[in-house]
Amino acid sequence: MAYLQLLALFLLSLAILTLIKNDFFKWIIAVIFSAVFLLQLSSVYLTGNVGDYKFYEHLKQNVVTNIYKEFLAEGILLIALFLIITFVLVWL
């Protein structure tokens, strides 16, 4: 069910971006949608559920900076996915 919700979020983002004609605003909104999508994707990866208030409440900067070495590969993957999803949202 979580993957279906992620797919719906991606398709909704894509549908909204097709309505925007200005390239500058399209890039800004694509970056925002990509960040939201990746936060939800990381929540599904880490907890098995779509992110809710509990996920965002426990996602604190000092915790992330303390354990980033353990999840370095996943962090690099998230950055690569962020770039790919942003470009896909803009050019589709």
N, C-alpha and C. Protein backbone atom coordinates (compact mmCIF):
# COMPACT_ATOMS: atom_id res chain seq x y z
N MET A 1 0.82 -1.20 0.00
CA MET A 1 0.00 0.00 0.00
C MET A 1 0.86 1.26 0.00
N ALA A 2 2.00 1.20 0.68
CA ALA A 2 2.86 2.37 0.75
C ALA A 2 3.43 2.71 -0.62
N TYR A 3 3.76 1.68 -1.40
CA TYR A 3 4.31 1.94 -2.72
C TYR A 3 3.26 2.51 -3.66
N LEU A 4 2.03 2.12 -3.48
CA LEU A 4 0.94 2.69 -4.26
C LEU A 4 0.76 4.17 -3.93
N GLN A 5 0.89 4.50 -2.66
CA GLN A 5 0.80 5.91 -2.26
C GLN A 5 1.97 6.72 -2.81
N LEU A 6 3.16 6.12 -2.85
CA LEU A 6 4.32 6.81 -3.44
C LEU A 6 4.10 7.04 -4.93
N LEU A 7 3.56 6.05 -5.61
CA LEU A 7 3.27 6.20 -7.03
C LEU A 7 2.23 7.29 -7.27
N ALA A 8 1.22 7.33 -6.42
CA ALA A 8 0.19 8.37 -6.54
C ALA A 8 0.78 9.76 -6.29
N LEU A 9 1.68 9.87 -5.32
CA LEU A 9 2.34 11.14 -5.05
C LEU A 9 3.18 11.59 -6.24
N PHE A 10 3.91 10.66 -6.85
CA PHE A 10 4.72 10.99 -8.02
C PHE A 10 3.86 11.41 -9.19
N LEU A 11 2.79 10.68 -9.45
CA LEU A 11 1.91 11.02 -10.58
C LEU A 11 1.18 12.34 -10.35
N LEU A 12 0.80 12.62 -9.11
CA LEU A 12 0.18 13.91 -8.80
C LEU A 12 1.17 15.05 -9.01
N SER A 13 2.41 14.84 -8.59
CA SER A 13 3.45 15.85 -8.81
C SER A 13 3.66 16.09 -10.29
N LEU A 14 3.70 15.02 -11.06
CA LEU A 14 3.88 15.12 -12.50
C LEU A 14 2.70 15.86 -13.14
N ALA A 15 1.49 15.57 -12.70
CA ALA A 15 0.31 16.22 -13.26
C ALA A 15 0.31 17.72 -12.94
N ILE A 16 0.69 18.08 -11.75
CA ILE A 16 0.73 19.50 -11.38
C ILE A 16 1.81 20.23 -12.17
N LEU A 17 2.96 19.58 -12.36
CA LEU A 17 4.05 20.23 -13.09
C LEU A 17 3.76 20.39 -14.57
N THR A 18 2.90 19.55 -15.13
CA THR A 18 2.56 19.73 -16.54
C THR A 18 1.69 20.97 -16.76
N LEU A 19 1.05 21.44 -15.72
CA LEU A 19 0.22 22.64 -15.84
C LEU A 19 1.03 23.93 -15.77
N ILE A 20 2.26 23.86 -15.29
CA ILE A 20 3.10 25.04 -15.12
C ILE A 20 3.92 25.25 -16.38
N LYS A 21 3.86 26.45 -16.95
CA LYS A 21 4.56 26.74 -18.20
C LYS A 21 5.87 27.49 -17.98
N ASN A 22 5.98 28.24 -16.91
CA ASN A 22 7.19 29.00 -16.64
C ASN A 22 8.29 28.05 -16.16
N ASP A 23 9.43 28.04 -16.86
CA ASP A 23 10.51 27.10 -16.55
C ASP A 23 11.11 27.34 -15.17
N PHE A 24 11.24 28.59 -14.77
CA PHE A 24 11.84 28.90 -13.47
C PHE A 24 10.99 28.33 -12.33
N PHE A 25 9.69 28.59 -12.37
CA PHE A 25 8.79 28.08 -11.33
C PHE A 25 8.65 26.57 -11.40
N LYS A 26 8.75 26.04 -12.61
CA LYS A 26 8.67 24.59 -12.78
C LYS A 26 9.85 23.91 -12.08
N TRP A 27 11.04 24.48 -12.20
CA TRP A 27 12.22 23.91 -11.52
C TRP A 27 12.08 24.01 -10.01
N ILE A 28 11.62 25.13 -9.52
CA ILE A 28 11.48 25.31 -8.07
C ILE A 28 10.47 24.32 -7.49
N ILE A 29 9.34 24.19 -8.14
CA ILE A 29 8.31 23.28 -7.65
C ILE A 29 8.75 21.82 -7.81
N ALA A 30 9.52 21.52 -8.87
CA ALA A 30 10.04 20.16 -9.05
C ALA A 30 11.01 19.80 -7.94
N VAL A 31 11.83 20.76 -7.51
CA VAL A 31 12.76 20.49 -6.40
C VAL A 31 11.98 20.24 -5.11
N ILE A 32 10.95 21.00 -4.87
CA ILE A 32 10.13 20.81 -3.66
C ILE A 32 9.43 19.45 -3.71
N PHE A 33 8.82 19.12 -4.84
CA PHE A 33 8.16 17.82 -4.97
C PHE A 33 9.15 16.67 -4.83
N SER A 34 10.34 16.82 -5.37
CA SER A 34 11.36 15.77 -5.26
C SER A 34 11.78 15.58 -3.81
N ALA A 35 11.93 16.66 -3.07
CA ALA A 35 12.32 16.56 -1.66
C ALA A 35 11.22 15.87 -0.86
N VAL A 36 9.98 16.22 -1.11
CA VAL A 36 8.86 15.58 -0.39
C VAL A 36 8.79 14.10 -0.75
N PHE A 37 8.95 13.80 -2.03
CA PHE A 37 8.90 12.40 -2.47
C PHE A 37 10.02 11.59 -1.83
N LEU A 38 11.22 12.14 -1.77
CA LEU A 38 12.33 11.40 -1.19
C LEU A 38 12.20 11.25 0.33
N LEU A 39 11.61 12.23 0.99
CA LEU A 39 11.35 12.06 2.43
C LEU A 39 10.36 10.91 2.65
N GLN A 40 9.35 10.85 1.81
CA GLN A 40 8.38 9.75 1.93
C GLN A 40 9.03 8.41 1.59
N LEU A 41 9.87 8.40 0.56
CA LEU A 41 10.56 7.18 0.17
C LEU A 41 11.51 6.69 1.26
N SER A 42 12.22 7.62 1.89
CA SER A 42 13.11 7.22 2.97
C SER A 42 12.31 6.73 4.18
N SER A 43 11.14 7.30 4.40
CA SER A 43 10.29 6.81 5.48
C SER A 43 9.83 5.39 5.21
N VAL A 44 9.46 5.10 3.99
CA VAL A 44 9.05 3.74 3.64
C VAL A 44 10.22 2.78 3.78
N TYR A 45 11.41 3.23 3.39
CA TYR A 45 12.60 2.38 3.50
C TYR A 45 12.98 2.10 4.95
N LEU A 46 12.92 3.12 5.78
CA LEU A 46 13.37 2.97 7.16
C LEU A 46 12.31 2.36 8.09
N THR A 47 11.05 2.75 7.89
CA THR A 47 10.01 2.31 8.83
C THR A 47 8.99 1.35 8.22
N GLY A 48 8.92 1.29 6.90
CA GLY A 48 7.94 0.44 6.25
C GLY A 48 6.60 1.11 6.05
N ASN A 49 6.46 2.35 6.51
CA ASN A 49 5.21 3.09 6.37
C ASN A 49 5.49 4.45 5.72
N VAL A 50 4.45 5.02 5.17
CA VAL A 50 4.56 6.38 4.63
C VAL A 50 4.74 7.33 5.81
N GLY A 51 5.56 8.36 5.60
CA GLY A 51 5.90 9.27 6.69
C GLY A 51 4.70 9.99 7.26
N ASP A 52 4.60 9.98 8.57
CA ASP A 52 3.56 10.73 9.26
C ASP A 52 4.25 11.63 10.28
N TYR A 53 3.50 12.14 11.20
CA TYR A 53 4.07 13.09 12.15
C TYR A 53 5.15 12.44 13.01
N LYS A 54 5.04 11.14 13.29
CA LYS A 54 6.04 10.46 14.11
C LYS A 54 7.40 10.41 13.40
N PHE A 55 7.37 10.17 12.10
CA PHE A 55 8.62 10.12 11.34
C PHE A 55 9.30 11.48 11.35
N TYR A 56 8.54 12.53 11.08
CA TYR A 56 9.12 13.87 11.03
C TYR A 56 9.49 14.39 12.42
N GLU A 57 8.80 13.93 13.45
CA GLU A 57 9.12 14.35 14.81
C GLU A 57 10.46 13.77 15.26
N HIS A 58 10.75 12.55 14.84
CA HIS A 58 11.99 11.90 15.25
C HIS A 58 13.14 12.17 14.29
N LEU A 59 12.89 12.84 13.19
CA LEU A 59 13.93 13.16 12.23
C LEU A 59 14.56 14.50 12.63
N LYS A 60 15.61 14.42 13.43
CA LYS A 60 16.26 15.62 13.94
C LYS A 60 17.67 15.70 13.37
N GLN A 61 18.16 16.91 13.22
CA GLN A 61 19.46 17.11 12.59
C GLN A 61 20.60 16.50 13.40
N ASN A 62 20.56 16.61 14.71
CA ASN A 62 21.66 16.06 15.50
C ASN A 62 21.70 14.54 15.44
N VAL A 63 20.55 13.89 15.31
CA VAL A 63 20.53 12.44 15.17
C VAL A 63 21.10 12.04 13.82
N VAL A 64 20.71 12.79 12.79
CA VAL A 64 21.20 12.48 11.44
C VAL A 64 22.71 12.68 11.37
N THR A 65 23.23 13.74 11.97
CA THR A 65 24.67 13.98 11.90
C THR A 65 25.45 12.97 12.74
N ASN A 66 24.84 12.40 13.75
CA ASN A 66 25.54 11.40 14.56
C ASN A 66 25.63 10.03 13.88
N ILE A 67 24.65 9.68 13.07
CA ILE A 67 24.63 8.34 12.48
C ILE A 67 24.76 8.34 10.96
N TYR A 68 25.21 9.45 10.37
CA TYR A 68 25.24 9.52 8.92
C TYR A 68 26.25 8.53 8.32
N LYS A 69 27.30 8.18 9.06
CA LYS A 69 28.30 7.25 8.52
C LYS A 69 27.73 5.85 8.33
N GLU A 70 26.76 5.48 9.15
CA GLU A 70 26.16 4.16 9.02
C GLU A 70 25.26 4.07 7.78
N PHE A 71 24.72 5.19 7.35
CA PHE A 71 23.82 5.21 6.20
C PHE A 71 24.40 6.04 5.05
N LEU A 72 25.71 6.01 4.88
CA LEU A 72 26.36 6.82 3.85
C LEU A 72 25.96 6.37 2.45
N ALA A 73 25.91 5.07 2.22
CA ALA A 73 25.51 4.56 0.90
C ALA A 73 24.08 4.95 0.57
N GLU A 74 23.19 4.86 1.54
CA GLU A 74 21.80 5.24 1.31
C GLU A 74 21.68 6.74 1.09
N GLY A 75 22.50 7.52 1.77
CA GLY A 75 22.50 8.97 1.57
C GLY A 75 22.94 9.36 0.18
N ILE A 76 23.98 8.70 -0.31
CA ILE A 76 24.44 8.97 -1.68
C ILE A 76 23.38 8.56 -2.68
N LEU A 77 22.73 7.43 -2.41
CA LEU A 77 21.64 6.98 -3.28
C LEU A 77 20.49 7.98 -3.27
N LEU A 78 20.15 8.53 -2.11
CA LEU A 78 19.07 9.53 -2.03
C LEU A 78 19.42 10.80 -2.79
N ILE A 79 20.67 11.22 -2.73
CA ILE A 79 21.08 12.41 -3.49
C ILE A 79 20.98 12.15 -4.99
N ALA A 80 21.43 10.98 -5.42
CA ALA A 80 21.33 10.64 -6.84
C ALA A 80 19.86 10.55 -7.27
N LEU A 81 19.02 9.93 -6.45
CA LEU A 81 17.60 9.85 -6.76
C LEU A 81 16.95 11.23 -6.79
N PHE A 82 17.39 12.12 -5.89
CA PHE A 82 16.86 13.48 -5.88
C PHE A 82 17.12 14.17 -7.21
N LEU A 83 18.34 14.05 -7.71
CA LEU A 83 18.67 14.67 -9.00
C LEU A 83 17.90 14.03 -10.14
N ILE A 84 17.80 12.72 -10.14
CA ILE A 84 17.09 12.02 -11.22
C ILE A 84 15.61 12.37 -11.20
N ILE A 85 14.98 12.34 -10.04
CA ILE A 85 13.55 12.62 -9.95
C ILE A 85 13.26 14.07 -10.32
N THR A 86 14.13 14.99 -9.92
CA THR A 86 13.92 16.39 -10.29
C THR A 86 13.95 16.55 -11.80
N PHE A 87 14.95 15.96 -12.45
CA PHE A 87 15.03 16.08 -13.91
C PHE A 87 13.87 15.38 -14.61
N VAL A 88 13.44 14.25 -14.09
CA VAL A 88 12.30 13.55 -14.68
C VAL A 88 11.03 14.38 -14.56
N LEU A 89 10.82 14.98 -13.39
CA LEU A 89 9.61 15.80 -13.20
C LEU A 89 9.62 17.02 -14.10
N VAL A 90 10.77 17.59 -14.36
CA VAL A 90 10.83 18.80 -15.17
C VAL A 90 10.64 18.46 -16.65
N TRP A 91 11.24 17.39 -17.12
CA TRP A 91 11.23 17.12 -18.55
C TRP A 91 10.09 16.25 -19.03
N LEU A 92 9.26 15.72 -18.16
CA LEU A 92 8.11 14.95 -18.62
C LEU A 92 6.89 15.81 -18.76
